[in-house]
Amino acid sequence: MVDAIKRKVTDKKLKQQLDEFVAKYDEFQNEEYVSELVGILADNYPSLSTPEKSIVKRWIQKVAKMLKIDALIDTDSDVLDLL
């Protein structure tokens, strides 16, 4: 997920923040990693381009499906509410 965003992101500051974030973790499936990633995405979501926002939205939909949550995500506001 982070790699997909890093490939599309145009904001150099955000790309650097994501690089530093990934470098801190050896294991990507712990709750601290996920919570920090969600915080970074929520902080930067309004400034993302449409393709970048689409990646985040698809990721949220996948997570919701894994958790068997029926999440209606139509708008940017819906995404931010879930983040």
C-alpha atoms as a PDB file:
ATOM      1  CA  MET A   1       0.000   0.000   0.000  1.00  0.00           C
ATOM      2  CA  VAL A   2       2.751   2.427   0.954  1.00  0.00           C
ATOM      3  CA  ASP A   3       4.725   1.441  -2.145  1.00  0.00           C
ATOM      4  CA  ALA A   4       1.705   2.090  -4.362  1.00  0.00           C
ATOM      5  CA  ILE A   5       1.264   5.559  -2.916  1.00  0.00           C
ATOM      6  CA  LYS A   6       4.997   6.315  -3.106  1.00  0.00           C
ATOM      7  CA  ARG A   7       4.978   5.461  -6.829  1.00  0.00           C
ATOM      8  CA  LYS A   8       2.147   7.916  -7.488  1.00  0.00           C
ATOM      9  CA  VAL A   9       2.862  10.683  -4.990  1.00  0.00           C
ATOM     10  CA  THR A  10       4.213  13.925  -6.405  1.00  0.00           C
ATOM     11  CA  ASP A  11       4.716  15.770  -3.126  1.00  0.00           C
ATOM     12  CA  LYS A  12       8.412  15.375  -2.245  1.00  0.00           C
ATOM     13  CA  LYS A  13       7.806  16.086   1.440  1.00  0.00           C
ATOM     14  CA  LEU A  14       5.184  13.341   1.696  1.00  0.00           C
ATOM     15  CA  LYS A  15       7.376  10.911  -0.253  1.00  0.00           C
ATOM     16  CA  GLN A  16      10.241  11.562   2.167  1.00  0.00           C
ATOM     17  CA  GLN A  17       7.899  11.150   5.146  1.00  0.00           C
ATOM     18  CA  LEU A  18       6.727   7.780   3.782  1.00  0.00           C
ATOM     19  CA  ASP A  19      10.335   6.659   3.149  1.00  0.00           C
ATOM     20  CA  GLU A  20      11.307   7.543   6.724  1.00  0.00           C
ATOM     21  CA  PHE A  21       8.201   5.814   8.043  1.00  0.00           C
ATOM     22  CA  VAL A  22       8.875   2.542   6.194  1.00  0.00           C
ATOM     23  CA  ALA A  23      12.529   2.577   7.250  1.00  0.00           C
ATOM     24  CA  LYS A  24      11.474   2.455  10.924  1.00  0.00           C
ATOM     25  CA  TYR A  25       9.647  -0.874  10.648  1.00  0.00           C
ATOM     26  CA  ASP A  26      10.841  -4.419  10.008  1.00  0.00           C
ATOM     27  CA  GLU A  27       7.392  -5.934  10.404  1.00  0.00           C
ATOM     28  CA  PHE A  28       4.472  -4.330   8.587  1.00  0.00           C
ATOM     29  CA  GLN A  29       1.590  -6.070  10.318  1.00  0.00           C
ATOM     30  CA  ASN A  30       1.600  -4.608  13.792  1.00  0.00           C
ATOM     31  CA  GLU A  31      -0.980  -2.127  15.067  1.00  0.00           C
ATOM     32  CA  GLU A  32       1.550   0.662  15.612  1.00  0.00           C
ATOM     33  CA  TYR A  33       2.546   0.559  11.937  1.00  0.00           C
ATOM     34  CA  VAL A  34      -1.066   0.663  10.774  1.00  0.00           C
ATOM     35  CA  SER A  35      -2.089   3.448  13.154  1.00  0.00           C
ATOM     36  CA  GLU A  36       0.885   5.613  12.193  1.00  0.00           C
ATOM     37  CA  LEU A  37       0.260   4.992   8.477  1.00  0.00           C
ATOM     38  CA  VAL A  38      -3.395   5.967   8.854  1.00  0.00           C
ATOM     39  CA  GLY A  39      -2.330   9.164  10.630  1.00  0.00           C
ATOM     40  CA  ILE A  40       0.048  10.086   7.805  1.00  0.00           C
ATOM     41  CA  LEU A  41      -2.642   9.386   5.208  1.00  0.00           C
ATOM     42  CA  ALA A  42      -5.283  11.383   7.107  1.00  0.00           C
ATOM     43  CA  ASP A  43      -2.944  14.370   7.515  1.00  0.00           C
ATOM     44  CA  ASN A  44      -2.019  14.421   3.844  1.00  0.00           C
ATOM     45  CA  TYR A  45      -5.218  13.192   2.183  1.00  0.00           C
ATOM     46  CA  PRO A  46      -6.624  16.631   1.290  1.00  0.00           C
ATOM     47  CA  SER A  47      -3.467  17.505  -0.649  1.00  0.00           C
ATOM     48  CA  LEU A  48      -3.224  14.217  -2.583  1.00  0.00           C
ATOM     49  CA  SER A  49      -3.950  14.067  -6.290  1.00  0.00           C
ATOM     50  CA  THR A  50      -6.974  12.147  -7.571  1.00  0.00           C
ATOM     51  CA  PRO A  51      -4.962   8.989  -8.457  1.00  0.00           C
ATOM     52  CA  GLU A  52      -3.317   9.049  -5.014  1.00  0.00           C
ATOM     53  CA  LYS A  53      -6.694   9.457  -3.313  1.00  0.00           C
ATOM     54  CA  SER A  54      -7.997   6.528  -5.350  1.00  0.00           C
ATOM     55  CA  ILE A  55      -5.234   4.274  -3.993  1.00  0.00           C
ATOM     56  CA  VAL A  56      -6.092   5.249  -0.417  1.00  0.00           C
ATOM     57  CA  LYS A  57      -9.795   4.725  -1.045  1.00  0.00           C
ATOM     58  CA  ARG A  58      -9.225   1.245  -2.535  1.00  0.00           C
ATOM     59  CA  TRP A  59      -7.031   0.316   0.435  1.00  0.00           C
ATOM     60  CA  ILE A  60      -9.732   1.379   2.890  1.00  0.00           C
ATOM     61  CA  GLN A  61     -12.301  -0.641   0.946  1.00  0.00           C
ATOM     62  CA  LYS A  62     -10.043  -3.729   1.106  1.00  0.00           C
ATOM     63  CA  VAL A  63      -9.519  -3.322   4.845  1.00  0.00           C
ATOM     64  CA  ALA A  64     -13.263  -2.849   5.399  1.00  0.00           C
ATOM     65  CA  LYS A  65     -13.983  -5.989   3.378  1.00  0.00           C
ATOM     66  CA  MET A  66     -11.418  -8.003   5.396  1.00  0.00           C
ATOM     67  CA  LEU A  67     -13.068  -6.799   8.606  1.00  0.00           C
ATOM     68  CA  LYS A  68     -16.538  -7.508   7.162  1.00  0.00           C
ATOM     69  CA  ILE A  69     -17.548  -3.884   7.561  1.00  0.00           C
ATOM     70  CA  ASP A  70     -20.082  -2.504   5.109  1.00  0.00           C
ATOM     71  CA  ALA A  71     -18.493   0.890   4.469  1.00  0.00           C
ATOM     72  CA  LEU A  72     -20.008   3.277   1.948  1.00  0.00           C
ATOM     73  CA  ILE A  73     -17.156   5.376   0.583  1.00  0.00           C
ATOM     74  CA  ASP A  74     -18.318   7.847  -2.046  1.00  0.00           C
ATOM     75  CA  THR A  75     -16.702  11.148  -1.117  1.00  0.00           C
ATOM     76  CA  ASP A  76     -13.418  12.502   0.218  1.00  0.00           C
ATOM     77  CA  SER A  77     -15.270  13.250   3.431  1.00  0.00           C
ATOM     78  CA  ASP A  78     -16.203   9.554   3.744  1.00  0.00           C
ATOM     79  CA  VAL A  79     -12.533   8.610   3.362  1.00  0.00           C
ATOM     80  CA  LEU A  80     -11.407  11.099   5.992  1.00  0.00           C
ATOM     81  CA  ASP A  81     -14.148   9.941   8.375  1.00  0.00           C
ATOM     82  CA  LEU A  82     -12.892   6.359   8.091  1.00  0.00           C
ATOM     83  CA  LEU A  83      -9.249   7.310   8.419  1.00  0.00           C
END
